[in-house]
C-alpha atoms as a PDB file:
ATOM      1  CA  UNK A   1       0.000   0.000   0.000  1.00  0.00           C
ATOM      2  CA  UNK A   2       1.211   3.494  -0.792  1.00  0.00           C
ATOM      3  CA  UNK A   3       2.111   5.956   1.951  1.00  0.00           C
ATOM      4  CA  UNK A   4      -1.300   7.150   3.139  1.00  0.00           C
ATOM      5  CA  UNK A   5      -0.227  10.547   4.503  1.00  0.00           C
ATOM      6  CA  UNK A   6       1.844  11.347   1.416  1.00  0.00           C
ATOM      7  CA  UNK A   7      -1.198  10.820  -0.822  1.00  0.00           C
ATOM      8  CA  UNK A   8      -3.513  12.883   1.356  1.00  0.00           C
ATOM      9  CA  UNK A   9      -1.076  15.784   1.655  1.00  0.00           C
ATOM     10  CA  UNK A  10      -0.115  16.192  -1.998  1.00  0.00           C
ATOM     11  CA  UNK A  11      -0.474  19.941  -2.832  1.00  0.00           C
ATOM     12  CA  UNK A  12      -3.080  20.720  -5.525  1.00  0.00           C
ATOM     13  CA  UNK A  13      -0.453  22.102  -7.895  1.00  0.00           C
ATOM     14  CA  UNK A  14       1.580  18.877  -7.655  1.00  0.00           C
ATOM     15  CA  UNK A  15      -1.470  16.795  -8.497  1.00  0.00           C
ATOM     16  CA  UNK A  16      -2.314  19.112 -11.371  1.00  0.00           C
ATOM     17  CA  UNK A  17       1.209  18.823 -12.802  1.00  0.00           C
ATOM     18  CA  UNK A  18       0.838  15.038 -12.858  1.00  0.00           C
ATOM     19  CA  UNK A  19      -2.463  15.072 -14.731  1.00  0.00           C
ATOM     20  CA  UNK A  20      -2.180  18.128 -16.988  1.00  0.00           C
ATOM     21  CA  UNK A  21      -0.114  16.335 -19.684  1.00  0.00           C
ATOM     22  CA  UNK A  22      -2.716  13.553 -19.800  1.00  0.00           C
ATOM     23  CA  UNK A  23      -5.646  15.955 -19.973  1.00  0.00           C
ATOM     24  CA  UNK A  24      -4.020  18.454 -22.311  1.00  0.00           C
ATOM     25  CA  UNK A  25      -5.163  21.259 -20.018  1.00  0.00           C
ATOM     26  CA  UNK A  26      -3.258  23.537 -17.662  1.00  0.00           C
ATOM     27  CA  UNK A  27      -5.301  24.431 -14.598  1.00  0.00           C
ATOM     28  CA  UNK A  28      -5.670  28.049 -13.587  1.00  0.00           C
ATOM     29  CA  UNK A  29      -7.420  26.752 -10.461  1.00  0.00           C
ATOM     30  CA  UNK A  30      -5.726  23.471  -9.437  1.00  0.00           C
ATOM     31  CA  UNK A  31      -7.888  23.392  -6.316  1.00  0.00           C
ATOM     32  CA  UNK A  32     -10.748  22.223  -8.571  1.00  0.00           C
ATOM     33  CA  UNK A  33      -8.794  19.117  -9.479  1.00  0.00           C
ATOM     34  CA  UNK A  34      -7.887  18.565  -5.844  1.00  0.00           C
ATOM     35  CA  UNK A  35     -11.593  18.693  -4.969  1.00  0.00           C
ATOM     36  CA  UNK A  36     -12.396  16.237  -7.786  1.00  0.00           C
ATOM     37  CA  UNK A  37     -10.060  13.685  -6.211  1.00  0.00           C
ATOM     38  CA  UNK A  38     -11.384  14.157  -2.662  1.00  0.00           C
ATOM     39  CA  UNK A  39     -13.743  11.369  -1.582  1.00  0.00           C
ATOM     40  CA  UNK A  40     -16.495  12.101   0.938  1.00  0.00           C
ATOM     41  CA  UNK A  41     -14.872   9.673   3.403  1.00  0.00           C
ATOM     42  CA  UNK A  42     -11.808  11.936   3.569  1.00  0.00           C
ATOM     43  CA  UNK A  43     -13.958  15.038   4.046  1.00  0.00           C
ATOM     44  CA  UNK A  44     -15.917  13.346   6.837  1.00  0.00           C
ATOM     45  CA  UNK A  45     -12.803  12.246   8.699  1.00  0.00           C
ATOM     46  CA  UNK A  46     -11.140  15.649   8.353  1.00  0.00           C
ATOM     47  CA  UNK A  47     -14.292  17.550   9.287  1.00  0.00           C
ATOM     48  CA  UNK A  48     -14.360  19.616   6.081  1.00  0.00           C
ATOM     49  CA  UNK A  49     -18.093  19.160   5.501  1.00  0.00           C
ATOM     50  CA  UNK A  50     -19.072  19.388   1.841  1.00  0.00           C
ATOM     51  CA  UNK A  51     -15.479  19.656   0.593  1.00  0.00           C
ATOM     52  CA  UNK A  52     -15.603  16.492  -1.525  1.00  0.00           C
ATOM     53  CA  UNK A  53     -16.224  15.470  -5.125  1.00  0.00           C
ATOM     54  CA  UNK A  54     -19.892  14.437  -5.198  1.00  0.00           C
ATOM     55  CA  UNK A  55     -21.176  17.698  -6.725  1.00  0.00           C
ATOM     56  CA  UNK A  56     -18.419  17.670  -9.324  1.00  0.00           C
ATOM     57  CA  UNK A  57     -19.225  14.032 -10.113  1.00  0.00           C
ATOM     58  CA  UNK A  58     -22.842  15.048 -10.752  1.00  0.00           C
ATOM     59  CA  UNK A  59     -21.703  17.712 -13.210  1.00  0.00           C
ATOM     60  CA  UNK A  60     -19.021  15.514 -14.750  1.00  0.00           C
ATOM     61  CA  UNK A  61     -21.513  12.783 -15.566  1.00  0.00           C
ATOM     62  CA  UNK A  62     -23.395  15.231 -17.809  1.00  0.00           C
ATOM     63  CA  UNK A  63     -20.218  16.759 -19.270  1.00  0.00           C
ATOM     64  CA  UNK A  64     -18.834  13.340 -20.173  1.00  0.00           C
ATOM     65  CA  UNK A  65     -22.076  12.186 -21.768  1.00  0.00           C
ATOM     66  CA  UNK A  66     -22.289  15.332 -23.911  1.00  0.00           C
ATOM     67  CA  UNK A  67     -18.628  15.168 -24.971  1.00  0.00           C
ATOM     68  CA  UNK A  68     -18.838  11.490 -25.904  1.00  0.00           C
ATOM     69  CA  UNK A  69     -22.170  12.023 -27.670  1.00  0.00           C
ATOM     70  CA  UNK A  70     -20.774  14.913 -29.708  1.00  0.00           C
ATOM     71  CA  UNK A  71     -17.692  12.921 -30.679  1.00  0.00           C
ATOM     72  CA  UNK A  72     -19.676   9.860 -31.754  1.00  0.00           C
ATOM     73  CA  UNK A  73     -22.207  12.040 -33.594  1.00  0.00           C
ATOM     74  CA  UNK A  74     -19.420  13.592 -35.648  1.00  0.00           C
ATOM     75  CA  UNK A  75     -17.440  10.376 -36.080  1.00  0.00           C
ATOM     76  CA  UNK A  76     -20.358   8.307 -37.379  1.00  0.00           C
ATOM     77  CA  UNK A  77     -22.602  10.557 -39.528  1.00  0.00           C
ATOM     78  CA  UNK A  78     -24.572   7.587 -40.867  1.00  0.00           C
ATOM     79  CA  UNK A  79     -25.138   5.761 -37.566  1.00  0.00           C
ATOM     80  CA  UNK A  80     -28.670   5.438 -36.207  1.00  0.00           C
ATOM     81  CA  UNK A  81     -29.646   6.835 -32.822  1.00  0.00           C
ATOM     82  CA  UNK A  82     -29.799   3.351 -31.303  1.00  0.00           C
ATOM     83  CA  UNK A  83     -26.301   2.514 -32.513  1.00  0.00           C
ATOM     84  CA  UNK A  84     -24.901   5.751 -31.113  1.00  0.00           C
ATOM     85  CA  UNK A  85     -26.620   5.072 -27.782  1.00  0.00           C
ATOM     86  CA  UNK A  86     -25.050   1.604 -27.553  1.00  0.00           C
ATOM     87  CA  UNK A  87     -21.568   2.909 -28.305  1.00  0.00           C
ATOM     88  CA  UNK A  88     -21.910   5.691 -25.753  1.00  0.00           C
ATOM     89  CA  UNK A  89     -23.213   3.339 -23.062  1.00  0.00           C
ATOM     90  CA  UNK A  90     -20.224   1.066 -23.581  1.00  0.00           C
ATOM     91  CA  UNK A  91     -17.727   3.947 -23.364  1.00  0.00           C
ATOM     92  CA  UNK A  92     -19.188   5.631 -20.258  1.00  0.00           C
ATOM     93  CA  UNK A  93     -19.981   2.494 -18.250  1.00  0.00           C
ATOM     94  CA  UNK A  94     -18.634   2.276 -14.705  1.00  0.00           C
ATOM     95  CA  UNK A  95     -16.197  -0.460 -15.707  1.00  0.00           C
ATOM     96  CA  UNK A  96     -14.914   1.520 -18.696  1.00  0.00           C
ATOM     97  CA  UNK A  97     -14.392   4.714 -16.683  1.00  0.00           C
ATOM     98  CA  UNK A  98     -12.647   2.853 -13.870  1.00  0.00           C
ATOM     99  CA  UNK A  99     -10.282   1.317 -16.422  1.00  0.00           C
ATOM    100  CA  UNK A 100      -9.553   4.790 -17.836  1.00  0.00           C
ATOM    101  CA  UNK A 101      -8.954   6.098 -14.302  1.00  0.00           C
ATOM    102  CA  UNK A 102      -6.429   3.354 -13.538  1.00  0.00           C
ATOM    103  CA  UNK A 103      -4.645   3.913 -16.840  1.00  0.00           C
ATOM    104  CA  UNK A 104      -3.845   7.538 -15.970  1.00  0.00           C
ATOM    105  CA  UNK A 105      -2.993   6.757 -12.340  1.00  0.00           C
ATOM    106  CA  UNK A 106      -6.053   8.394 -10.813  1.00  0.00           C
ATOM    107  CA  UNK A 107      -6.308   5.575  -8.286  1.00  0.00           C
ATOM    108  CA  UNK A 108      -2.969   6.622  -6.777  1.00  0.00           C
ATOM    109  CA  UNK A 109      -4.056  10.241  -6.290  1.00  0.00           C
ATOM    110  CA  UNK A 110      -7.417   9.843  -4.546  1.00  0.00           C
ATOM    111  CA  UNK A 111      -7.901  11.339  -1.106  1.00  0.00           C
ATOM    112  CA  UNK A 112      -9.723   8.674   0.892  1.00  0.00           C
ATOM    113  CA  UNK A 113     -10.579   8.346   4.554  1.00  0.00           C
ATOM    114  CA  UNK A 114      -8.666   5.676   6.447  1.00  0.00           C
ATOM    115  CA  UNK A 115     -11.750   3.495   6.709  1.00  0.00           C
ATOM    116  CA  UNK A 116     -12.430   3.657   2.978  1.00  0.00           C
ATOM    117  CA  UNK A 117      -8.731   3.052   2.286  1.00  0.00           C
ATOM    118  CA  UNK A 118      -8.642  -0.049   4.481  1.00  0.00           C
ATOM    119  CA  UNK A 119     -11.775  -1.393   2.799  1.00  0.00           C
ATOM    120  CA  UNK A 120     -10.154  -1.222  -0.652  1.00  0.00           C
ATOM    121  CA  UNK A 121     -11.908   1.920  -1.859  1.00  0.00           C
ATOM    122  CA  UNK A 122      -8.942   2.802  -4.049  1.00  0.00           C
ATOM    123  CA  UNK A 123      -9.625  -0.301  -6.156  1.00  0.00           C
ATOM    124  CA  UNK A 124     -13.420   0.023  -6.444  1.00  0.00           C
ATOM    125  CA  UNK A 125     -14.826   0.700  -9.891  1.00  0.00           C
ATOM    126  CA  UNK A 126     -17.569   2.954  -8.516  1.00  0.00           C
ATOM    127  CA  UNK A 127     -15.157   5.170  -6.578  1.00  0.00           C
ATOM    128  CA  UNK A 128     -12.795   5.433  -9.552  1.00  0.00           C
ATOM    129  CA  UNK A 129     -15.482   6.136 -12.146  1.00  0.00           C
ATOM    130  CA  UNK A 130     -16.969   8.868  -9.931  1.00  0.00           C
ATOM    131  CA  UNK A 131     -13.543  10.483  -9.532  1.00  0.00           C
ATOM    132  CA  UNK A 132     -12.979  10.290 -13.291  1.00  0.00           C
ATOM    133  CA  UNK A 133     -16.242  12.135 -13.934  1.00  0.00           C
ATOM    134  CA  UNK A 134     -15.432  14.685 -11.224  1.00  0.00           C
ATOM    135  CA  UNK A 135     -12.040  15.267 -12.851  1.00  0.00           C
ATOM    136  CA  UNK A 136     -13.728  16.091 -16.165  1.00  0.00           C
ATOM    137  CA  UNK A 137     -16.069  18.482 -14.376  1.00  0.00           C
ATOM    138  CA  UNK A 138     -12.994  20.203 -12.927  1.00  0.00           C
ATOM    139  CA  UNK A 139     -11.601  20.631 -16.458  1.00  0.00           C
ATOM    140  CA  UNK A 140     -14.957  21.992 -17.606  1.00  0.00           C
ATOM    141  CA  UNK A 141     -15.216  24.438 -14.698  1.00  0.00           C
ATOM    142  CA  UNK A 142     -11.632  25.601 -15.192  1.00  0.00           C
ATOM    143  CA  UNK A 143     -11.430  25.775 -18.998  1.00  0.00           C
ATOM    144  CA  UNK A 144     -14.933  25.475 -20.423  1.00  0.00           C
ATOM    145  CA  UNK A 145     -16.561  22.973 -22.739  1.00  0.00           C
ATOM    146  CA  UNK A 146     -13.816  23.068 -25.394  1.00  0.00           C
ATOM    147  CA  UNK A 147     -11.206  22.054 -22.809  1.00  0.00           C
ATOM    148  CA  UNK A 148     -13.427  19.227 -21.527  1.00  0.00           C
ATOM    149  CA  UNK A 149     -14.122  18.016 -25.065  1.00  0.00           C
ATOM    150  CA  UNK A 150     -10.398  17.986 -25.895  1.00  0.00           C
ATOM    151  CA  UNK A 151      -9.634  16.097 -22.667  1.00  0.00           C
ATOM    152  CA  UNK A 152     -12.258  13.451 -23.432  1.00  0.00           C
ATOM    153  CA  UNK A 153     -10.872  13.028 -26.954  1.00  0.00           C
ATOM    154  CA  UNK A 154      -7.397  12.391 -25.487  1.00  0.00           C
ATOM    155  CA  UNK A 155      -8.558  10.127 -22.655  1.00  0.00           C
ATOM    156  CA  UNK A 156     -10.520   7.872 -25.000  1.00  0.00           C
ATOM    157  CA  UNK A 157      -8.105   8.070 -27.945  1.00  0.00           C
ATOM    158  CA  UNK A 158      -7.503   4.301 -27.967  1.00  0.00           C
ATOM    159  CA  UNK A 159     -11.101   3.383 -27.170  1.00  0.00           C
ATOM    160  CA  UNK A 160     -13.182   5.145 -29.822  1.00  0.00           C
ATOM    161  CA  UNK A 161     -15.009   2.590 -32.008  1.00  0.00           C
ATOM    162  CA  UNK A 162     -13.643   2.385 -35.548  1.00  0.00           C
ATOM    163  CA  UNK A 163     -17.067   1.550 -36.975  1.00  0.00           C
ATOM    164  CA  UNK A 164     -20.674   1.663 -35.865  1.00  0.00           C
ATOM    165  CA  UNK A 165     -21.729  -1.800 -34.791  1.00  0.00           C
ATOM    166  CA  UNK A 166     -25.006  -3.450 -33.976  1.00  0.00           C
ATOM    167  CA  UNK A 167     -23.357  -6.249 -32.000  1.00  0.00           C
ATOM    168  CA  UNK A 168     -22.025  -4.119 -29.128  1.00  0.00           C
ATOM    169  CA  UNK A 169     -23.458  -5.491 -25.877  1.00  0.00           C
ATOM    170  CA  UNK A 170     -26.502  -3.652 -24.540  1.00  0.00           C
ATOM    171  CA  UNK A 171     -26.812  -2.837 -20.874  1.00  0.00           C
ATOM    172  CA  UNK A 172     -30.173  -3.033 -19.101  1.00  0.00           C
ATOM    173  CA  UNK A 173     -30.799   0.740 -19.216  1.00  0.00           C
ATOM    174  CA  UNK A 174     -30.192   0.864 -22.956  1.00  0.00           C
ATOM    175  CA  UNK A 175     -32.425  -2.135 -23.593  1.00  0.00           C
ATOM    176  CA  UNK A 176     -35.179  -0.691 -21.397  1.00  0.00           C
ATOM    177  CA  UNK A 177     -34.998   2.699 -23.091  1.00  0.00           C
ATOM    178  CA  UNK A 178     -35.379   1.056 -26.504  1.00  0.00           C
ATOM    179  CA  UNK A 179     -38.267  -1.108 -25.302  1.00  0.00           C
ATOM    180  CA  UNK A 180     -39.982   1.828 -23.578  1.00  0.00           C
ATOM    181  CA  UNK A 181     -39.698   4.037 -26.658  1.00  0.00           C
ATOM    182  CA  UNK A 182     -41.113   1.244 -28.797  1.00  0.00           C
ATOM    183  CA  UNK A 183     -44.003   0.397 -26.482  1.00  0.00           C
ATOM    184  CA  UNK A 184     -44.929   3.792 -25.039  1.00  0.00           C
ATOM    185  CA  UNK A 185     -43.203   6.372 -27.221  1.00  0.00           C
ATOM    186  CA  UNK A 186     -41.383   7.754 -24.150  1.00  0.00           C
ATOM    187  CA  UNK A 187     -38.301   6.954 -22.073  1.00  0.00           C
ATOM    188  CA  UNK A 188     -38.494   5.692 -18.461  1.00  0.00           C
ATOM    189  CA  UNK A 189     -37.844   8.099 -15.576  1.00  0.00           C
ATOM    190  CA  UNK A 190     -35.186   7.417 -12.924  1.00  0.00           C
ATOM    191  CA  UNK A 191     -35.273   9.122  -9.513  1.00  0.00           C
ATOM    192  CA  UNK A 192     -32.659   8.978  -6.751  1.00  0.00           C
ATOM    193  CA  UNK A 193     -34.537   8.085  -3.567  1.00  0.00           C
ATOM    194  CA  UNK A 194     -31.630   8.210  -1.135  1.00  0.00           C
ATOM    195  CA  UNK A 195     -28.728   6.262   0.304  1.00  0.00           C
ATOM    196  CA  UNK A 196     -27.847   4.470   3.522  1.00  0.00           C
ATOM    197  CA  UNK A 197     -24.960   2.791   5.272  1.00  0.00           C
ATOM    198  CA  UNK A 198     -21.356   3.780   6.068  1.00  0.00           C
ATOM    199  CA  UNK A 199     -19.209   5.423   3.395  1.00  0.00           C
ATOM    200  CA  UNK A 200     -17.306   2.251   2.522  1.00  0.00           C
ATOM    201  CA  UNK A 201     -20.527   0.212   2.175  1.00  0.00           C
ATOM    202  CA  UNK A 202     -23.051   2.819   1.045  1.00  0.00           C
ATOM    203  CA  UNK A 203     -26.187   1.520  -0.666  1.00  0.00           C
ATOM    204  CA  UNK A 204     -28.057   3.752  -3.108  1.00  0.00           C
ATOM    205  CA  UNK A 205     -31.788   3.469  -3.815  1.00  0.00           C
ATOM    206  CA  UNK A 206     -33.257   4.350  -7.204  1.00  0.00           C
ATOM    207  CA  UNK A 207     -36.880   4.592  -8.299  1.00  0.00           C
ATOM    208  CA  UNK A 208     -37.882   3.851 -11.886  1.00  0.00           C
ATOM    209  CA  UNK A 209     -41.210   4.787 -13.445  1.00  0.00           C
ATOM    210  CA  UNK A 210     -42.349   3.554 -16.842  1.00  0.00           C
ATOM    211  CA  UNK A 211     -44.540   5.801 -19.024  1.00  0.00           C
ATOM    212  CA  UNK A 212     -47.518   3.528 -18.256  1.00  0.00           C
ATOM    213  CA  UNK A 213     -47.191   4.334 -14.542  1.00  0.00           C
ATOM    214  CA  UNK A 214     -45.574   1.081 -13.381  1.00  0.00           C
ATOM    215  CA  UNK A 215     -42.908   1.750 -10.751  1.00  0.00           C
ATOM    216  CA  UNK A 216     -39.866  -0.166  -9.534  1.00  0.00           C
ATOM    217  CA  UNK A 217     -37.346   0.361  -6.749  1.00  0.00           C
ATOM    218  CA  UNK A 218     -33.838  -1.096  -6.710  1.00  0.00           C
ATOM    219  CA  UNK A 219     -30.593  -0.683  -4.795  1.00  0.00           C
ATOM    220  CA  UNK A 220     -26.914  -0.867  -5.690  1.00  0.00           C
ATOM    221  CA  UNK A 221     -23.427   0.084  -4.553  1.00  0.00           C
ATOM    222  CA  UNK A 222     -23.641   3.154  -6.830  1.00  0.00           C
ATOM    223  CA  UNK A 223     -26.465   5.120  -8.433  1.00  0.00           C
ATOM    224  CA  UNK A 224     -25.547   3.696 -11.821  1.00  0.00           C
ATOM    225  CA  UNK A 225     -25.662   0.110 -10.569  1.00  0.00           C
ATOM    226  CA  UNK A 226     -28.995   0.746  -8.839  1.00  0.00           C
ATOM    227  CA  UNK A 227     -30.383   2.155 -12.099  1.00  0.00           C
ATOM    228  CA  UNK A 228     -29.201  -0.931 -13.969  1.00  0.00           C
ATOM    229  CA  UNK A 229     -30.836  -3.190 -11.374  1.00  0.00           C
ATOM    230  CA  UNK A 230     -34.123  -1.267 -11.635  1.00  0.00           C
ATOM    231  CA  UNK A 231     -33.986  -1.470 -15.435  1.00  0.00           C
ATOM    232  CA  UNK A 232     -33.403  -5.212 -15.202  1.00  0.00           C
ATOM    233  CA  UNK A 233     -36.569  -5.583 -13.097  1.00  0.00           C
ATOM    234  CA  UNK A 234     -38.603  -3.518 -15.561  1.00  0.00           C
ATOM    235  CA  UNK A 235     -37.308  -5.503 -18.531  1.00  0.00           C
ATOM    236  CA  UNK A 236     -38.229  -8.772 -16.847  1.00  0.00           C
ATOM    237  CA  UNK A 237     -41.800  -7.534 -16.321  1.00  0.00           C
ATOM    238  CA  UNK A 238     -42.125  -6.326 -19.933  1.00  0.00           C
ATOM    239  CA  UNK A 239     -40.765  -9.648 -21.171  1.00  0.00           C
ATOM    240  CA  UNK A 240     -43.321 -11.541 -19.060  1.00  0.00           C
ATOM    241  CA  UNK A 241     -46.154  -9.414 -20.451  1.00  0.00           C
ATOM    242  CA  UNK A 242     -44.900 -10.019 -23.983  1.00  0.00           C
ATOM    243  CA  UNK A 243     -44.753 -13.786 -23.425  1.00  0.00           C
ATOM    244  CA  UNK A 244     -48.276 -13.872 -21.957  1.00  0.00           C
ATOM    245  CA  UNK A 245     -49.617 -12.101 -25.024  1.00  0.00           C
ATOM    246  CA  UNK A 246     -48.306 -14.791 -27.370  1.00  0.00           C
END
């Protein structure tokens, strides 16, 4: 294990210098990047209140989706909406983002509380993917959309699909969105209901409502996983209805 105190006490400018060549962006406000790499467990242990990356992760999720969408839209002018959705889902999945985070050494720079550290938080896909999204939000806040778009292009340089494909695996949310659009003409609605448990074992609860009014509730170790679990439930119900109609 790396020296815990050394990681926690790295000055923001030092961290920025390590990541700026990877991101292709020089930070005017390196404290934004420092915040992006600060987990809530560290903030709780140090008594710094809301000084952690959850708000940046919220923003980064949207920034990443827009940047990836724009890139795929321009890269594949003849691809259908469903094909673009599948490619994007594959690129921005929790597993994919965690792999990107490890590749650039983000796992070595996270500020974690001692409890989260001892529980292996530095290796968790959910923690790493959230930090990756928060990092992109920091780039966006510091340099604007163009800087974020350029950073995403660099970070995914070896992962962009070379051709639109219909065989890329579909996750549950993608499959449910396609089924919902086909059946009801609208997409399902996801709502964050809350979370519970200690920081290193937090469980998130998500509500899902189909356009026909049917509702589902599911939990997961991250909001994204809870959404996938809720979508899986909804798909199972729609499949059962379809089979009964045969």
